[in-house]
Amino acid sequence: MGAGGVTAAAVTLDPSHILIVGRGGREHALAWSLAKSPTVTRIWVAPGNGGIAVMGGVAGTVALQEDDFPGLTAFAQNNRIGLAVIGPEAPLAAGLADAFAAAGIPCFGPSKDAAQLEGSKAFAKDFMLRHAIPTARHAVFRDLASAIDHVRKADHPIVIKASGLAAGKGVVLPETTAEAELALRQMLTARIFGAAGDEVLIEERLVGPEASVLAFCDGQTFSLMPIAQDHKRVFDDDKGPNTGGMGAYAPAPVVGRALLAEIRQTIMAPALKGMAAEGMPFVGVLYAGLMLTKTGPRVIEFNCRFGDPETQVILPLLKSDLATVLRACAVGALESTEVAWLPGSAVSVVAASGGYPGDYAKGCRITGLDDAAALAGTHVFHAGTRQDADGHVLTDGGRVLSVTGIGETVAEASARAYAGIEAIAFDCLHYRRDIGAKTL
């Protein structure tokens, strides 16, 4: 029996009906890209946001939360969903793809077992060691005393990470032993990241430029997307605390053809082959966050889904039909499906609420959205927004909008993105002014 008491075999699915699960800029970009497909007739987004609710080509948002597995699977069956697309990592790590599979709904997203690659950094590290995938040296701790003793004996710079999901905020780069000890106490004793910090990793700190390498996967075959670079720190020049991402651009010239071949051969191919060999074939987006060190690329972390804001710069460059690609991944047919990309570049700048990633206000009215969207080569993707009873769009999160510019070069795309964000206003709006600047 499927969720809601419906037998999976009794449901006649419609391949043109798609359900997207999530509420951020990533999900808005997915809906925007899927809405362009001639093979899609209806798209629902659960729970969506204020921008998704009014965009053309979407049947509507659904008042179901990402952790409401029975509600989501019942909705999918009742609306003959032919493909479920799961955006965020938390429902993937909790097994939403498995719930859809049990209900007879094809799904783009990894199983709960496969999603451990992101859900547990300790699991991912052990997996990389088993399959000789290059990464940083590390140690795993669950008790404070042992972790502090390790830090005091370390003879190299370190990084401290919460092993579980912490919404992109569970990483600390301490400059002193005192800062490291404080971070460990906050994670293991004060539990500022909840259960995600009950287990911590202490890693050697790698040095070099970072790159986001994403690939469509069907369990056996993968197809690489344009290389992106994310900007995690909240302030210009990579200052301040880590966030979920303040902007991105693609393609990133830091990864040339030879380096891309090395990444394919030493990281992506062994990861996909290893997951299949261990009985966890990976279906969805495999995302390797890499540090490009002097001795070669090293995996900082694996993610099990589209990145945010990387999605907002990658999907606008996709020439192929996204719905066709995602369906092929879900049924193991990616090898026979063309995945083509457009020339040019994309830059996305996040409009955040002042104070993010700490405390920030909600409910501020946003103006200038239509003006920004009307600019040539500019797209506005909503993240933390909602609509009030009068139809006004209000802020409802830390990362409020992603404004993406498309152009022949990074410089042109950047100019369009910043022209768009400068047309928008809300109280305490904050954004970085150097997204992609290192390439210019």
Protein backbone atom coordinates (compact mmCIF):
# COMPACT_ATOMS: atom_id res chain seq x y z
CA MET A 1 0.00 0.00 0.00
CA GLY A 2 1.20 3.52 -0.75
CA ALA A 3 0.86 6.53 1.52
CA GLY A 4 -2.73 7.54 2.17
CA GLY A 5 -3.92 3.93 1.75
CA VAL A 6 -3.71 3.92 -2.05
CA THR A 7 -2.19 0.90 -3.77
CA ALA A 8 0.76 2.13 -5.83
CA ALA A 9 -0.10 -0.11 -8.78
CA ALA A 10 -3.61 1.35 -8.97
CA VAL A 11 -2.35 4.86 -9.65
CA THR A 12 -2.08 5.96 -13.29
CA LEU A 13 0.71 8.53 -13.40
CA ASP A 14 0.97 11.47 -15.79
CA PRO A 15 4.60 12.12 -16.84
CA SER A 16 3.72 15.78 -17.48
CA HIS A 17 2.76 16.34 -13.82
CA ILE A 18 5.67 17.31 -11.56
CA LEU A 19 5.86 17.94 -7.81
CA ILE A 20 8.82 19.94 -6.46
CA VAL A 21 9.49 19.71 -2.73
CA GLY A 22 11.11 22.76 -1.11
CA ARG A 23 10.72 26.48 -0.52
CA GLY A 24 13.91 28.31 -1.53
CA GLY A 25 15.63 29.95 -4.45
CA ARG A 26 16.77 26.55 -5.67
CA GLU A 27 13.18 25.35 -5.93
CA HIS A 28 12.08 28.55 -7.67
CA ALA A 29 14.87 28.02 -10.24
CA LEU A 30 13.81 24.39 -10.70
CA ALA A 31 10.19 25.42 -11.24
CA TRP A 32 11.23 28.16 -13.67
CA SER A 33 13.36 25.76 -15.71
CA LEU A 34 10.80 22.94 -15.70
CA ALA A 35 8.02 25.34 -16.69
CA LYS A 36 9.85 25.95 -19.98
CA SER A 37 9.56 22.28 -20.94
CA PRO A 38 7.00 21.35 -23.62
CA THR A 39 6.70 17.98 -21.88
CA VAL A 40 5.35 19.50 -18.64
CA THR A 41 1.74 20.60 -18.19
CA ARG A 42 1.40 21.04 -14.42
CA ILE A 43 3.90 21.86 -11.66
CA TRP A 44 3.16 22.01 -7.96
CA VAL A 45 5.67 23.18 -5.32
CA ALA A 46 5.37 22.17 -1.66
CA PRO A 47 5.44 24.42 0.26
CA GLY A 48 6.95 26.99 -2.14
CA ASN A 49 7.28 30.70 -1.42
CA GLY A 50 5.82 34.07 -2.32
CA GLY A 51 7.47 34.21 -5.75
CA ILE A 52 6.71 30.66 -6.80
CA ALA A 53 3.05 31.16 -5.90
CA VAL A 54 2.57 33.78 -8.61
CA MET A 55 4.96 32.62 -11.35
CA GLY A 56 3.58 31.58 -14.70
CA GLY A 57 3.51 27.90 -15.61
CA VAL A 58 3.00 26.67 -12.04
CA ALA A 59 -0.27 25.09 -11.00
CA GLY A 60 0.26 26.35 -7.48
CA THR A 61 1.98 25.97 -4.15
CA VAL A 62 0.85 23.27 -1.75
CA ALA A 63 0.56 23.81 2.01
CA LEU A 64 2.58 20.72 2.86
CA GLN A 65 5.85 20.84 4.77
CA GLU A 66 8.96 19.03 3.57
CA ASP A 67 8.79 16.55 6.46
CA ASP A 68 5.13 15.59 5.88
CA PHE A 69 5.88 12.37 4.06
CA PRO A 70 2.33 10.91 4.20
CA GLY A 71 0.83 14.19 2.99
CA LEU A 72 3.34 14.59 0.15
CA THR A 73 3.00 11.02 -1.10
CA ALA A 74 -0.81 11.14 -0.91
CA PHE A 75 -0.83 14.42 -2.84
CA ALA A 76 1.47 12.91 -5.46
CA GLN A 77 -0.81 9.92 -5.93
CA ASN A 78 -4.02 11.95 -5.96
CA ASN A 79 -2.58 14.30 -8.61
CA ARG A 80 -0.98 11.54 -10.70
CA ILE A 81 2.50 12.99 -10.28
CA GLY A 82 4.86 11.50 -12.85
CA LEU A 83 8.01 12.87 -11.24
CA ALA A 84 8.83 14.15 -7.75
CA VAL A 85 11.85 16.45 -7.48
CA ILE A 86 13.24 16.90 -3.96
CA GLY A 87 15.21 20.11 -3.42
CA PRO A 88 16.49 20.30 0.19
CA GLU A 89 18.86 17.91 1.92
CA ALA A 90 16.87 17.34 5.14
CA PRO A 91 13.94 15.39 3.60
CA LEU A 92 16.38 13.41 1.46
CA ALA A 93 18.42 12.43 4.52
CA ALA A 94 15.18 11.49 6.29
CA GLY A 95 14.06 9.19 3.46
CA LEU A 96 11.51 11.13 1.38
CA ALA A 97 12.75 9.55 -1.87
CA ASP A 98 12.12 6.13 -0.34
CA ALA A 99 8.61 7.19 0.66
CA PHE A 100 7.85 8.29 -2.91
CA ALA A 101 9.27 5.03 -4.25
CA ALA A 102 7.08 3.01 -1.88
CA ALA A 103 4.07 4.99 -3.12
CA GLY A 104 4.95 4.23 -6.75
CA ILE A 105 6.06 7.78 -7.61
CA PRO A 106 9.22 8.20 -9.73
CA CYS A 107 11.63 10.47 -7.88
CA PHE A 108 14.67 12.56 -8.69
CA GLY A 109 16.68 12.38 -5.49
CA PRO A 110 18.78 9.80 -3.64
CA SER A 111 17.54 7.24 -1.17
CA LYS A 112 18.03 7.72 2.56
CA ASP A 113 21.05 5.40 2.48
CA ALA A 114 22.66 7.24 -0.44
CA ALA A 115 21.91 10.64 1.13
CA GLN A 116 24.24 9.74 4.00
CA LEU A 117 26.95 11.22 1.81
CA GLU A 118 25.64 14.61 2.96
CA GLY A 119 23.70 13.66 6.08
CA SER A 120 26.78 12.35 7.88
CA LYS A 121 30.20 13.85 7.23
CA ALA A 122 31.69 10.97 9.20
CA PHE A 123 30.04 8.47 6.83
CA ALA A 124 31.25 10.46 3.82
CA LYS A 125 34.83 10.52 5.09
CA ASP A 126 34.86 6.76 5.69
CA PHE A 127 33.33 6.23 2.23
CA MET A 128 36.05 8.35 0.60
CA LEU A 129 38.76 6.39 2.41
CA ARG A 130 37.24 3.09 1.26
CA HIS A 131 37.21 4.23 -2.37
CA ALA A 132 40.49 6.20 -2.43
CA ILE A 133 38.77 9.51 -3.14
CA PRO A 134 41.15 12.37 -2.25
CA THR A 135 40.13 14.39 0.80
CA ALA A 136 41.61 16.05 3.89
CA ARG A 137 42.99 14.15 6.88
CA HIS A 138 40.46 14.05 9.70
CA ALA A 139 39.42 12.65 13.06
CA VAL A 140 35.90 12.13 14.46
CA PHE A 141 34.88 12.91 18.05
CA ARG A 142 31.78 12.65 20.21
CA ASP A 143 33.24 13.74 23.56
CA LEU A 144 34.62 17.17 24.36
CA ALA A 145 37.76 16.17 26.26
CA SER A 146 39.13 13.99 23.45
CA ALA A 147 38.35 16.64 20.84
CA ILE A 148 40.09 19.39 22.82
CA ASP A 149 43.13 17.14 23.40
CA HIS A 150 43.34 16.55 19.63
CA VAL A 151 43.16 20.28 18.90
CA ARG A 152 45.90 21.10 21.38
CA LYS A 153 48.21 18.54 19.77
CA ALA A 154 47.46 19.56 16.15
CA ASP A 155 50.52 20.85 14.28
CA HIS A 156 48.58 22.28 11.31
CA PRO A 157 45.61 24.62 10.74
CA ILE A 158 42.27 22.89 11.26
CA VAL A 159 38.61 23.04 10.35
CA ILE A 160 35.85 21.96 12.74
CA LYS A 161 32.62 20.58 11.28
CA ALA A 162 29.34 19.35 12.68
CA SER A 163 28.91 15.89 11.18
CA GLY A 164 25.18 16.22 10.57
CA LEU A 165 23.06 18.66 8.59
CA ALA A 166 23.45 22.25 9.80
CA ALA A 167 22.05 24.26 6.87
CA GLY A 168 25.52 25.22 5.67
CA LYS A 169 26.46 26.81 9.00
CA GLY A 170 28.15 23.97 10.88
CA VAL A 171 31.70 24.76 9.76
CA VAL A 172 34.19 26.78 11.83
CA LEU A 173 37.68 27.85 10.73
CA PRO A 174 39.38 28.72 14.03
CA GLU A 175 42.48 30.91 13.97
CA THR A 176 43.59 30.04 17.51
CA THR A 177 43.38 27.07 19.87
CA ALA A 178 41.03 29.09 22.09
CA GLU A 179 38.65 29.66 19.16
CA ALA A 180 38.76 25.94 18.34
CA GLU A 181 37.95 24.96 21.92
CA LEU A 182 35.06 27.41 22.01
CA ALA A 183 33.64 25.98 18.79
CA LEU A 184 33.88 22.45 20.17
CA ARG A 185 32.13 23.44 23.39
CA GLN A 186 29.36 25.15 21.43
CA MET A 187 28.80 22.07 19.28
CA LEU A 188 29.31 19.20 21.73
CA THR A 189 28.12 20.79 24.99
CA ALA A 190 25.88 23.77 24.18
CA ARG A 191 24.56 21.87 21.10
CA ILE A 192 24.05 25.02 19.04
CA PHE A 193 23.48 22.80 15.99
CA GLY A 194 21.35 20.29 17.86
CA ALA A 195 21.89 16.63 17.00
CA ALA A 196 23.91 17.64 13.93
CA GLY A 197 26.79 18.57 16.25
CA ASP A 198 26.69 15.53 18.52
CA GLU A 199 29.51 14.19 16.36
CA VAL A 200 32.22 16.52 15.06
CA LEU A 201 35.02 16.25 12.55
CA ILE A 202 38.36 17.96 13.02
CA GLU A 203 40.13 18.20 9.67
CA GLU A 204 43.33 19.60 8.33
CA ARG A 205 42.61 22.93 6.65
CA LEU A 206 43.21 22.75 2.91
CA VAL A 207 44.38 25.77 0.95
CA GLY A 208 43.36 26.80 -2.56
CA PRO A 209 40.39 28.02 -4.58
CA GLU A 210 37.09 26.19 -4.13
CA ALA A 211 34.86 24.77 -6.85
CA SER A 212 31.36 23.28 -6.88
CA VAL A 213 31.14 20.24 -9.16
CA LEU A 214 27.60 18.98 -9.72
CA ALA A 215 26.48 16.02 -11.80
CA PHE A 216 23.19 14.51 -12.89
CA CYS A 217 23.22 10.83 -11.83
CA ASP A 218 21.00 7.82 -12.56
CA GLY A 219 22.75 5.32 -10.29
CA GLN A 220 25.26 4.13 -12.89
CA THR A 221 25.93 7.05 -15.23
CA PHE A 222 26.68 10.72 -14.52
CA SER A 223 26.77 13.92 -16.57
CA LEU A 224 28.70 16.93 -15.27
CA MET A 225 27.18 20.40 -15.09
CA PRO A 226 29.14 23.64 -15.61
CA ILE A 227 31.57 24.20 -12.74
CA ALA A 228 30.35 26.85 -10.30
CA GLN A 229 31.95 28.82 -7.48
CA ASP A 230 29.90 29.67 -4.39
CA HIS A 231 30.59 32.51 -1.95
CA LYS A 232 29.85 31.27 1.58
CA ARG A 233 31.03 34.14 3.80
CA VAL A 234 28.49 36.86 4.53
CA PHE A 235 30.72 39.87 3.76
CA ASP A 236 32.90 41.00 0.85
CA ASP A 237 36.43 39.60 0.52
CA ASP A 238 35.26 36.36 2.18
CA LYS A 239 34.91 37.93 5.62
CA GLY A 240 32.49 37.07 8.38
CA PRO A 241 30.66 33.85 9.28
CA ASN A 242 29.64 31.13 6.85
CA THR A 243 26.15 31.25 5.39
CA GLY A 244 24.11 29.01 3.14
CA GLY A 245 25.63 30.97 0.23
CA MET A 246 25.67 34.66 -0.70
CA GLY A 247 26.08 34.24 -4.44
CA ALA A 248 27.62 32.12 -7.19
CA TYR A 249 28.76 32.19 -10.79
CA ALA A 250 29.30 29.65 -13.58
CA PRO A 251 31.18 28.42 -15.43
CA ALA A 252 34.24 28.89 -13.24
CA PRO A 253 37.44 29.22 -15.31
CA VAL A 254 39.52 27.95 -12.40
CA VAL A 255 38.75 24.40 -13.59
CA GLY A 256 40.26 23.80 -17.03
CA ARG A 257 39.84 20.81 -19.29
CA ALA A 258 42.72 18.76 -17.82
CA LEU A 259 41.65 19.41 -14.23
CA LEU A 260 38.05 18.56 -15.08
CA ALA A 261 39.18 15.22 -16.49
CA GLU A 262 41.09 14.53 -13.27
CA ILE A 263 38.04 15.40 -11.15
CA ARG A 264 35.89 13.11 -13.28
CA GLN A 265 38.34 10.22 -13.00
CA THR A 266 39.47 10.49 -9.36
CA ILE A 267 36.36 11.82 -7.62
CA MET A 268 33.04 11.65 -9.46
CA ALA A 269 33.41 8.27 -11.17
CA PRO A 270 34.74 6.45 -8.06
CA ALA A 271 31.99 8.01 -5.91
CA LEU A 272 29.17 6.86 -8.19
CA LYS A 273 30.75 3.43 -8.71
CA GLY A 274 31.37 3.07 -4.97
CA MET A 275 27.81 3.92 -4.01
CA ALA A 276 26.48 1.34 -6.48
CA ALA A 277 28.95 -1.29 -5.26
CA GLU A 278 27.82 -0.75 -1.68
CA GLY A 279 24.16 -1.24 -2.59
CA MET A 280 23.25 2.45 -2.52
CA PRO A 281 23.02 3.53 -6.18
CA PHE A 282 22.95 7.31 -6.28
CA VAL A 283 20.08 8.91 -8.20
CA GLY A 284 19.82 12.70 -8.28
CA VAL A 285 22.48 15.41 -8.08
CA LEU A 286 25.85 14.42 -6.69
CA TYR A 287 27.58 17.63 -5.62
CA ALA A 288 31.26 17.60 -4.71
CA GLY A 289 32.56 20.69 -2.95
CA LEU A 290 36.24 20.75 -3.84
CA MET A 291 39.39 22.52 -2.73
CA LEU A 292 41.85 22.86 -5.60
CA THR A 293 45.13 22.40 -3.74
CA LYS A 294 48.66 22.51 -5.15
CA THR A 295 48.73 18.70 -4.99
CA GLY A 296 45.40 18.22 -6.74
CA PRO A 297 41.65 18.48 -6.10
CA ARG A 298 40.41 17.37 -2.69
CA VAL A 299 36.81 16.80 -1.58
CA ILE A 300 35.74 19.15 1.19
CA GLU A 301 32.27 17.62 1.34
CA PHE A 302 29.68 15.80 -0.71
CA ASN A 303 26.11 17.09 -1.04
CA CYS A 304 23.21 15.00 -2.26
CA ARG A 305 21.17 17.65 -4.10
CA PHE A 306 21.30 20.80 -6.21
CA GLY A 307 23.25 23.55 -4.47
CA ASP A 308 21.70 26.86 -3.51
CA PRO A 309 22.64 29.35 -5.00
CA GLU A 310 24.53 27.23 -7.58
CA THR A 311 21.23 26.07 -9.10
CA GLN A 312 20.36 29.68 -9.92
CA VAL A 313 23.44 29.99 -12.16
CA ILE A 314 23.59 26.46 -13.57
CA LEU A 315 20.01 25.92 -14.77
CA PRO A 316 19.85 29.15 -16.83
CA LEU A 317 22.77 27.70 -18.83
CA LEU A 318 21.03 24.39 -19.57
CA LYS A 319 20.14 23.99 -23.24
CA SER A 320 18.52 20.57 -22.91
CA ASP A 321 15.03 20.03 -21.55
CA LEU A 322 15.38 19.72 -17.76
CA ALA A 323 12.28 17.55 -17.34
CA THR A 324 13.63 15.03 -19.84
CA VAL A 325 17.00 14.89 -18.04
CA LEU A 326 15.44 14.45 -14.59
CA ARG A 327 13.07 11.73 -15.80
CA ALA A 328 16.00 9.91 -17.41
CA CYS A 329 17.89 9.97 -14.12
CA ALA A 330 14.87 8.64 -12.22
CA VAL A 331 14.50 5.60 -14.53
CA GLY A 332 18.19 4.84 -15.17
CA ALA A 333 18.29 6.14 -18.75
CA LEU A 334 20.76 9.01 -18.50
CA GLU A 335 23.35 7.33 -20.73
CA SER A 336 21.03 7.63 -23.74
CA THR A 337 19.91 11.20 -22.94
CA GLU A 338 21.65 14.27 -24.32
CA VAL A 339 22.63 16.92 -21.78
CA ALA A 340 23.72 20.09 -23.59
CA TRP A 341 24.69 23.51 -22.29
CA LEU A 342 24.49 27.05 -23.64
CA PRO A 343 27.54 29.26 -24.10
CA GLY A 344 27.95 32.28 -21.84
CA SER A 345 28.02 32.90 -18.10
CA ALA A 346 25.67 33.41 -15.19
CA VAL A 347 26.12 35.30 -11.92
CA SER A 348 23.67 35.22 -9.02
CA VAL A 349 23.71 37.62 -6.06
CA VAL A 350 21.75 36.88 -2.88
CA ALA A 351 19.70 39.64 -1.30
CA ALA A 352 19.77 38.81 2.41
CA SER A 353 18.12 40.22 5.51
CA GLY A 354 20.42 42.32 7.68
CA GLY A 355 21.85 40.23 10.52
CA TYR A 356 21.83 36.97 8.57
CA PRO A 357 23.14 34.33 9.35
CA GLY A 358 22.33 35.51 12.88
CA ASP A 359 19.07 37.10 13.99
CA TYR A 360 17.15 39.05 11.36
CA ALA A 361 13.77 40.71 10.91
CA LYS A 362 10.89 39.23 8.91
CA GLY A 363 7.84 40.82 7.34
CA CYS A 364 9.59 43.69 5.53
CA ARG A 365 7.84 44.75 2.34
CA ILE A 366 9.88 44.20 -0.85
CA THR A 367 9.64 46.68 -3.73
CA GLY A 368 11.17 46.81 -7.20
CA LEU A 369 10.71 43.14 -8.07
CA ASP A 370 8.95 43.83 -11.37
CA ASP A 371 11.55 46.45 -12.30
CA ALA A 372 14.37 43.97 -11.71
CA ALA A 373 12.67 41.15 -13.60
CA ALA A 374 12.06 43.45 -16.58
CA LEU A 375 15.78 44.02 -17.13
CA ALA A 376 17.38 42.17 -20.05
CA GLY A 377 19.08 38.94 -19.09
CA THR A 378 17.96 39.14 -15.46
CA HIS A 379 15.95 36.65 -13.40
CA VAL A 380 14.70 37.07 -9.83
CA PHE A 381 14.35 33.84 -7.85
CA HIS A 382 12.54 34.03 -4.51
CA ALA A 383 13.83 32.24 -1.43
CA GLY A 384 12.68 33.63 1.93
CA THR A 385 9.50 35.43 0.84
CA ARG A 386 5.76 35.28 1.42
CA GLN A 387 2.69 37.21 0.32
CA ASP A 388 0.39 39.08 2.67
CA ALA A 389 -3.40 39.34 2.32
CA ASP A 390 -3.06 42.38 0.06
CA GLY A 391 -0.70 40.61 -2.34
CA HIS A 392 2.44 42.42 -1.18
CA VAL A 393 5.64 40.36 -1.12
CA LEU A 394 7.34 40.33 2.29
CA THR A 395 10.65 39.01 3.57
CA ASP A 396 10.33 35.68 5.36
CA GLY A 397 13.87 34.35 5.71
CA GLY A 398 17.56 35.13 5.94
CA ARG A 399 18.28 34.66 2.27
CA VAL A 400 15.41 36.51 0.63
CA LEU A 401 16.10 36.58 -3.12
CA SER A 402 18.64 35.42 -5.68
CA VAL A 403 19.07 37.83 -8.58
CA THR A 404 20.70 36.14 -11.56
CA GLY A 405 22.27 37.83 -14.57
CA ILE A 406 23.03 36.02 -17.85
CA GLY A 407 25.61 37.29 -20.35
CA GLU A 408 28.27 36.33 -22.82
CA THR A 409 30.93 36.90 -20.14
CA VAL A 410 31.11 36.90 -16.35
CA ALA A 411 31.47 40.69 -16.49
CA GLU A 412 28.26 41.12 -18.48
CA ALA A 413 26.37 38.63 -16.33
CA SER A 414 27.62 40.34 -13.16
CA ALA A 415 26.54 43.78 -14.40
CA ARG A 416 23.05 42.46 -15.10
CA ALA A 417 22.76 40.73 -11.73
CA TYR A 418 23.81 43.84 -9.84
CA ALA A 419 21.53 46.08 -11.91
CA GLY A 420 18.70 43.78 -10.88
CA ILE A 421 19.51 43.75 -7.20
CA GLU A 422 19.95 47.53 -7.15
CA ALA A 423 16.38 47.90 -8.42
CA ILE A 424 15.07 46.03 -5.36
CA ALA A 425 14.56 47.47 -1.89
CA PHE A 426 13.51 46.31 1.57
CA ASP A 427 14.50 47.31 5.09
CA CYS A 428 18.00 46.12 6.05
CA LEU A 429 18.72 44.59 2.63
CA HIS A 430 22.28 43.24 2.54
CA TYR A 431 24.28 41.71 -0.31
CA ARG A 432 27.87 41.10 -1.27
CA ARG A 433 29.30 43.35 -3.95
CA ASP A 434 32.09 41.02 -5.10
CA ILE A 435 30.36 37.92 -6.42
CA GLY A 436 32.52 36.62 -9.28
CA ALA A 437 34.93 39.55 -8.92
CA LYS A 438 38.00 37.33 -8.71
CA THR A 439 37.49 36.30 -12.34
CA LEU A 440 37.25 39.88 -13.65
